[in-house]
Amino acid sequence: MLKVYSAGNLIDAYLLQSLLSEAGIETRILNEFSHGGTGEIPFTQAYPEIWISNEGDAPNVVKNAKTIIRQFEQRPREVGTSTCKNCNEPNPETFEVCWRCGNTLLKET
């Protein structure tokens, strides 16, 4: 196995693993459940890690994985907001339901 990425959180690890899988790159996530040990072990050792399952894969597989990782890291992180008509709570524009009151968010067109 060959380590290709340390994620800041488990959600990013799963997202990246999915992107790599779509490209035909078989990976495993290690340290999935290590966050519970933070404080007892250094936090950097608790980060979820993505490993290519077969390090004997062709070098172009590793190159493709690194390209996908670079694109993943450069994705836009800022999301606009929309205000709930029911409770006036701001929500990310990608939400369909208000996180606070559960009201359906209407998309303005």
N, C-alpha and C. Protein backbone atom coordinates (compact mmCIF):
# COMPACT_ATOMS: atom_id res chain seq x y z
N MET A 1 0.84 -1.18 0.00
CA MET A 1 0.00 0.00 0.00
C MET A 1 0.88 1.24 0.00
N LEU A 2 0.33 2.31 -0.59
CA LEU A 2 1.08 3.55 -0.71
C LEU A 2 0.19 4.70 -0.26
N LYS A 3 0.67 5.45 0.76
CA LYS A 3 -0.09 6.59 1.26
C LYS A 3 -0.01 7.74 0.25
N VAL A 4 -1.23 8.28 -0.10
CA VAL A 4 -1.25 9.39 -1.06
C VAL A 4 -1.85 10.66 -0.48
N TYR A 5 -2.53 10.57 0.69
CA TYR A 5 -3.19 11.78 1.21
C TYR A 5 -3.53 11.63 2.68
N SER A 6 -3.40 12.72 3.43
CA SER A 6 -3.91 12.83 4.80
C SER A 6 -5.01 13.88 4.77
N ALA A 7 -6.21 13.48 5.12
CA ALA A 7 -7.36 14.39 5.08
C ALA A 7 -7.53 15.08 6.42
N GLY A 8 -8.06 16.30 6.39
CA GLY A 8 -8.31 17.05 7.61
C GLY A 8 -9.49 16.52 8.39
N ASN A 9 -10.37 15.79 7.70
CA ASN A 9 -11.54 15.21 8.37
C ASN A 9 -12.03 14.01 7.56
N LEU A 10 -12.90 13.23 8.17
CA LEU A 10 -13.36 12.00 7.56
C LEU A 10 -14.24 12.25 6.33
N ILE A 11 -14.99 13.34 6.34
CA ILE A 11 -15.85 13.65 5.19
C ILE A 11 -15.00 13.87 3.95
N ASP A 12 -13.94 14.67 4.08
CA ASP A 12 -13.04 14.90 2.93
C ASP A 12 -12.40 13.60 2.48
N ALA A 13 -12.05 12.74 3.42
CA ALA A 13 -11.44 11.46 3.06
C ALA A 13 -12.41 10.63 2.22
N TYR A 14 -13.67 10.56 2.64
CA TYR A 14 -14.66 9.80 1.88
C TYR A 14 -14.93 10.42 0.51
N LEU A 15 -15.02 11.74 0.45
CA LEU A 15 -15.23 12.41 -0.84
C LEU A 15 -14.09 12.11 -1.81
N LEU A 16 -12.87 12.22 -1.32
CA LEU A 16 -11.71 11.98 -2.18
C LEU A 16 -11.63 10.51 -2.57
N GLN A 17 -11.92 9.62 -1.64
CA GLN A 17 -11.91 8.20 -1.97
C GLN A 17 -12.92 7.90 -3.08
N SER A 18 -14.07 8.53 -3.01
CA SER A 18 -15.09 8.35 -4.05
C SER A 18 -14.60 8.84 -5.41
N LEU A 19 -13.95 10.01 -5.43
CA LEU A 19 -13.41 10.54 -6.68
C LEU A 19 -12.35 9.60 -7.26
N LEU A 20 -11.50 9.08 -6.41
CA LEU A 20 -10.47 8.15 -6.87
C LEU A 20 -11.09 6.85 -7.38
N SER A 21 -12.11 6.38 -6.70
CA SER A 21 -12.80 5.17 -7.11
C SER A 21 -13.45 5.34 -8.48
N GLU A 22 -14.05 6.51 -8.71
CA GLU A 22 -14.65 6.80 -10.02
C GLU A 22 -13.61 6.76 -11.13
N ALA A 23 -12.37 7.05 -10.79
CA ALA A 23 -11.28 7.02 -11.77
C ALA A 23 -10.66 5.63 -11.87
N GLY A 24 -11.23 4.67 -11.15
CA GLY A 24 -10.72 3.30 -11.21
C GLY A 24 -9.53 3.04 -10.31
N ILE A 25 -9.30 3.91 -9.34
CA ILE A 25 -8.17 3.75 -8.43
C ILE A 25 -8.68 3.20 -7.11
N GLU A 26 -8.24 2.00 -6.78
CA GLU A 26 -8.69 1.33 -5.56
C GLU A 26 -7.89 1.86 -4.36
N THR A 27 -8.62 2.33 -3.34
CA THR A 27 -7.97 2.90 -2.16
C THR A 27 -8.59 2.35 -0.89
N ARG A 28 -7.91 2.60 0.20
CA ARG A 28 -8.42 2.30 1.54
C ARG A 28 -8.22 3.54 2.40
N ILE A 29 -9.11 3.71 3.37
CA ILE A 29 -8.95 4.79 4.34
C ILE A 29 -8.48 4.17 5.65
N LEU A 30 -7.36 4.66 6.13
CA LEU A 30 -6.85 4.23 7.43
C LEU A 30 -7.09 5.36 8.43
N ASN A 31 -7.11 5.03 9.69
CA ASN A 31 -7.38 5.96 10.80
C ASN A 31 -8.81 6.49 10.77
N GLU A 32 -9.74 5.69 10.24
CA GLU A 32 -11.14 6.13 10.18
C GLU A 32 -11.70 6.47 11.55
N PHE A 33 -11.30 5.72 12.55
CA PHE A 33 -11.89 5.87 13.87
C PHE A 33 -10.90 6.40 14.91
N SER A 34 -9.85 7.05 14.45
CA SER A 34 -8.79 7.51 15.35
C SER A 34 -9.10 8.83 16.04
N HIS A 35 -10.11 9.57 15.58
CA HIS A 35 -10.38 10.87 16.19
C HIS A 35 -10.72 10.74 17.67
N GLY A 36 -11.24 9.61 18.08
CA GLY A 36 -11.54 9.40 19.49
C GLY A 36 -10.29 9.38 20.35
N GLY A 37 -9.16 9.11 19.74
CA GLY A 37 -7.91 9.06 20.49
C GLY A 37 -7.17 10.38 20.54
N THR A 38 -7.73 11.41 19.89
CA THR A 38 -7.07 12.71 19.90
C THR A 38 -6.94 13.21 21.33
N GLY A 39 -5.76 13.62 21.66
CA GLY A 39 -5.45 14.02 23.04
C GLY A 39 -4.54 12.97 23.67
N GLU A 40 -4.84 11.71 23.38
CA GLU A 40 -3.97 10.62 23.84
C GLU A 40 -2.84 10.40 22.83
N ILE A 41 -3.16 10.67 21.57
CA ILE A 41 -2.14 10.57 20.53
C ILE A 41 -2.09 11.93 19.81
N PRO A 42 -0.99 12.26 19.16
CA PRO A 42 -0.92 13.53 18.45
C PRO A 42 -2.02 13.62 17.39
N PHE A 43 -2.65 14.79 17.26
CA PHE A 43 -3.78 14.94 16.34
C PHE A 43 -3.39 14.63 14.91
N THR A 44 -2.14 14.90 14.53
CA THR A 44 -1.73 14.64 13.15
C THR A 44 -1.69 13.13 12.85
N GLN A 45 -1.56 12.32 13.89
CA GLN A 45 -1.58 10.88 13.68
C GLN A 45 -3.00 10.34 13.67
N ALA A 46 -3.97 11.19 13.98
CA ALA A 46 -5.38 10.77 13.97
C ALA A 46 -6.07 11.16 12.66
N TYR A 47 -5.39 11.89 11.78
CA TYR A 47 -6.00 12.27 10.52
C TYR A 47 -6.32 11.03 9.69
N PRO A 48 -7.48 11.01 9.03
CA PRO A 48 -7.77 9.91 8.10
C PRO A 48 -6.77 9.95 6.94
N GLU A 49 -6.29 8.80 6.56
CA GLU A 49 -5.30 8.72 5.48
C GLU A 49 -5.86 7.88 4.34
N ILE A 50 -5.54 8.29 3.12
CA ILE A 50 -5.95 7.53 1.93
C ILE A 50 -4.72 6.85 1.37
N TRP A 51 -4.86 5.55 1.20
CA TRP A 51 -3.77 4.73 0.69
C TRP A 51 -4.23 4.03 -0.58
N ILE A 52 -3.37 3.99 -1.59
CA ILE A 52 -3.62 3.18 -2.78
C ILE A 52 -3.39 1.74 -2.38
N SER A 53 -4.38 0.91 -2.66
CA SER A 53 -4.35 -0.47 -2.18
C SER A 53 -3.17 -1.27 -2.71
N ASN A 54 -2.85 -1.11 -3.97
CA ASN A 54 -1.77 -1.90 -4.56
C ASN A 54 -0.68 -0.96 -5.04
N GLU A 55 0.38 -0.83 -4.25
CA GLU A 55 1.44 0.11 -4.63
C GLU A 55 2.20 -0.36 -5.85
N GLY A 56 1.96 -1.59 -6.27
CA GLY A 56 2.59 -2.09 -7.48
C GLY A 56 1.87 -1.64 -8.74
N ASP A 57 0.76 -0.88 -8.57
CA ASP A 57 0.05 -0.36 -9.73
C ASP A 57 1.00 0.50 -10.56
N ALA A 58 0.67 0.62 -11.82
CA ALA A 58 1.50 1.39 -12.74
C ALA A 58 1.72 2.80 -12.21
N PRO A 59 2.88 3.38 -12.50
CA PRO A 59 3.17 4.75 -12.05
C PRO A 59 2.13 5.77 -12.51
N ASN A 60 1.50 5.52 -13.67
CA ASN A 60 0.49 6.48 -14.13
C ASN A 60 -0.74 6.47 -13.23
N VAL A 61 -1.00 5.37 -12.50
CA VAL A 61 -2.11 5.34 -11.55
C VAL A 61 -1.82 6.30 -10.40
N VAL A 62 -0.60 6.28 -9.91
CA VAL A 62 -0.20 7.19 -8.84
C VAL A 62 -0.24 8.63 -9.35
N LYS A 63 0.22 8.85 -10.57
CA LYS A 63 0.20 10.19 -11.16
C LYS A 63 -1.25 10.67 -11.30
N ASN A 64 -2.15 9.80 -11.78
CA ASN A 64 -3.56 10.16 -11.89
C ASN A 64 -4.16 10.47 -10.53
N ALA A 65 -3.82 9.68 -9.52
CA ALA A 65 -4.32 9.93 -8.17
C ALA A 65 -3.87 11.30 -7.67
N LYS A 66 -2.61 11.63 -7.90
CA LYS A 66 -2.10 12.93 -7.44
C LYS A 66 -2.77 14.08 -8.17
N THR A 67 -3.11 13.89 -9.45
CA THR A 67 -3.83 14.91 -10.20
C THR A 67 -5.22 15.12 -9.62
N ILE A 68 -5.91 14.03 -9.31
CA ILE A 68 -7.25 14.11 -8.72
C ILE A 68 -7.19 14.78 -7.35
N ILE A 69 -6.18 14.44 -6.57
CA ILE A 69 -6.01 15.05 -5.24
C ILE A 69 -5.76 16.55 -5.37
N ARG A 70 -4.93 16.95 -6.31
CA ARG A 70 -4.63 18.37 -6.51
C ARG A 70 -5.91 19.13 -6.91
N GLN A 71 -6.71 18.54 -7.80
CA GLN A 71 -7.98 19.17 -8.19
C GLN A 71 -8.93 19.26 -7.01
N PHE A 72 -8.95 18.21 -6.18
CA PHE A 72 -9.81 18.18 -4.99
C PHE A 72 -9.42 19.30 -4.02
N GLU A 73 -8.13 19.49 -3.82
CA GLU A 73 -7.66 20.52 -2.90
C GLU A 73 -7.92 21.93 -3.43
N GLN A 74 -8.02 22.10 -4.73
CA GLN A 74 -8.22 23.42 -5.31
C GLN A 74 -9.67 23.75 -5.57
N ARG A 75 -10.59 22.87 -5.19
CA ARG A 75 -12.01 23.14 -5.44
C ARG A 75 -12.47 24.34 -4.63
N PRO A 76 -13.44 25.08 -5.16
CA PRO A 76 -13.94 26.23 -4.41
C PRO A 76 -14.63 25.78 -3.13
N ARG A 77 -14.37 26.45 -2.04
CA ARG A 77 -14.95 26.08 -0.75
C ARG A 77 -16.06 27.03 -0.32
N GLU A 78 -16.06 28.22 -0.87
CA GLU A 78 -17.07 29.19 -0.47
C GLU A 78 -18.39 28.86 -1.15
N VAL A 79 -19.43 28.93 -0.38
CA VAL A 79 -20.77 28.67 -0.88
C VAL A 79 -21.62 29.87 -0.51
N GLY A 80 -22.46 30.31 -1.44
CA GLY A 80 -23.36 31.41 -1.14
C GLY A 80 -24.40 30.98 -0.11
N THR A 81 -25.19 31.91 0.34
CA THR A 81 -26.22 31.60 1.32
C THR A 81 -27.59 32.00 0.81
N SER A 82 -28.59 31.35 1.36
CA SER A 82 -29.98 31.75 1.12
C SER A 82 -30.64 31.85 2.49
N THR A 83 -31.58 32.77 2.62
CA THR A 83 -32.24 32.99 3.90
C THR A 83 -33.58 32.26 3.92
N CYS A 84 -33.82 31.55 5.01
CA CYS A 84 -35.07 30.83 5.20
C CYS A 84 -36.22 31.83 5.33
N LYS A 85 -37.27 31.62 4.57
CA LYS A 85 -38.43 32.52 4.62
C LYS A 85 -39.21 32.34 5.93
N ASN A 86 -39.04 31.20 6.59
CA ASN A 86 -39.78 30.91 7.82
C ASN A 86 -39.12 31.51 9.06
N CYS A 87 -37.80 31.30 9.21
CA CYS A 87 -37.13 31.72 10.45
C CYS A 87 -36.03 32.75 10.22
N ASN A 88 -35.81 33.14 8.97
CA ASN A 88 -34.78 34.12 8.60
C ASN A 88 -33.35 33.67 8.90
N GLU A 89 -33.14 32.36 9.01
CA GLU A 89 -31.81 31.82 9.27
C GLU A 89 -31.05 31.67 7.95
N PRO A 90 -29.79 32.14 7.88
CA PRO A 90 -29.01 31.92 6.67
C PRO A 90 -28.61 30.45 6.55
N ASN A 91 -28.69 29.91 5.35
CA ASN A 91 -28.33 28.53 5.05
C ASN A 91 -27.43 28.52 3.82
N PRO A 92 -26.52 27.55 3.72
CA PRO A 92 -25.74 27.45 2.48
C PRO A 92 -26.70 27.24 1.31
N GLU A 93 -26.38 27.81 0.17
CA GLU A 93 -27.29 27.73 -0.96
C GLU A 93 -27.48 26.32 -1.48
N THR A 94 -26.61 25.40 -1.08
CA THR A 94 -26.75 24.01 -1.50
C THR A 94 -27.78 23.25 -0.66
N PHE A 95 -28.23 23.83 0.45
CA PHE A 95 -29.23 23.16 1.30
C PHE A 95 -30.61 23.27 0.64
N GLU A 96 -31.40 22.22 0.79
CA GLU A 96 -32.77 22.24 0.31
C GLU A 96 -33.75 22.43 1.47
N VAL A 97 -33.27 22.18 2.68
CA VAL A 97 -34.09 22.30 3.90
C VAL A 97 -33.31 23.13 4.91
N CYS A 98 -33.99 24.04 5.59
CA CYS A 98 -33.35 24.88 6.59
C CYS A 98 -32.82 24.01 7.73
N TRP A 99 -31.59 24.23 8.12
CA TRP A 99 -30.98 23.44 9.18
C TRP A 99 -31.61 23.76 10.53
N ARG A 100 -32.16 24.93 10.66
CA ARG A 100 -32.70 25.36 11.96
C ARG A 100 -34.15 24.92 12.18
N CYS A 101 -35.04 25.20 11.19
CA CYS A 101 -36.46 24.93 11.41
C CYS A 101 -37.02 23.79 10.55
N GLY A 102 -36.24 23.32 9.57
CA GLY A 102 -36.70 22.23 8.74
C GLY A 102 -37.60 22.65 7.59
N ASN A 103 -37.80 23.94 7.42
CA ASN A 103 -38.64 24.46 6.34
C ASN A 103 -37.95 24.25 4.99
N THR A 104 -38.72 23.93 3.96
CA THR A 104 -38.17 23.78 2.62
C THR A 104 -37.69 25.14 2.12
N LEU A 105 -36.47 25.15 1.60
CA LEU A 105 -35.89 26.39 1.07
C LEU A 105 -36.25 26.48 -0.41
N LEU A 106 -36.87 27.56 -0.79
CA LEU A 106 -37.25 27.77 -2.18
C LEU A 106 -36.09 28.38 -2.92
N LYS A 107 -35.78 27.81 -4.05
CA LYS A 107 -34.71 28.34 -4.88
C LYS A 107 -35.25 29.50 -5.69
N GLU A 108 -34.55 30.63 -5.65
CA GLU A 108 -34.98 31.79 -6.44
C GLU A 108 -34.48 31.62 -7.86
N THR A 109 -35.37 31.82 -8.82
CA THR A 109 -34.98 31.66 -10.22
C THR A 109 -35.20 32.94 -10.98
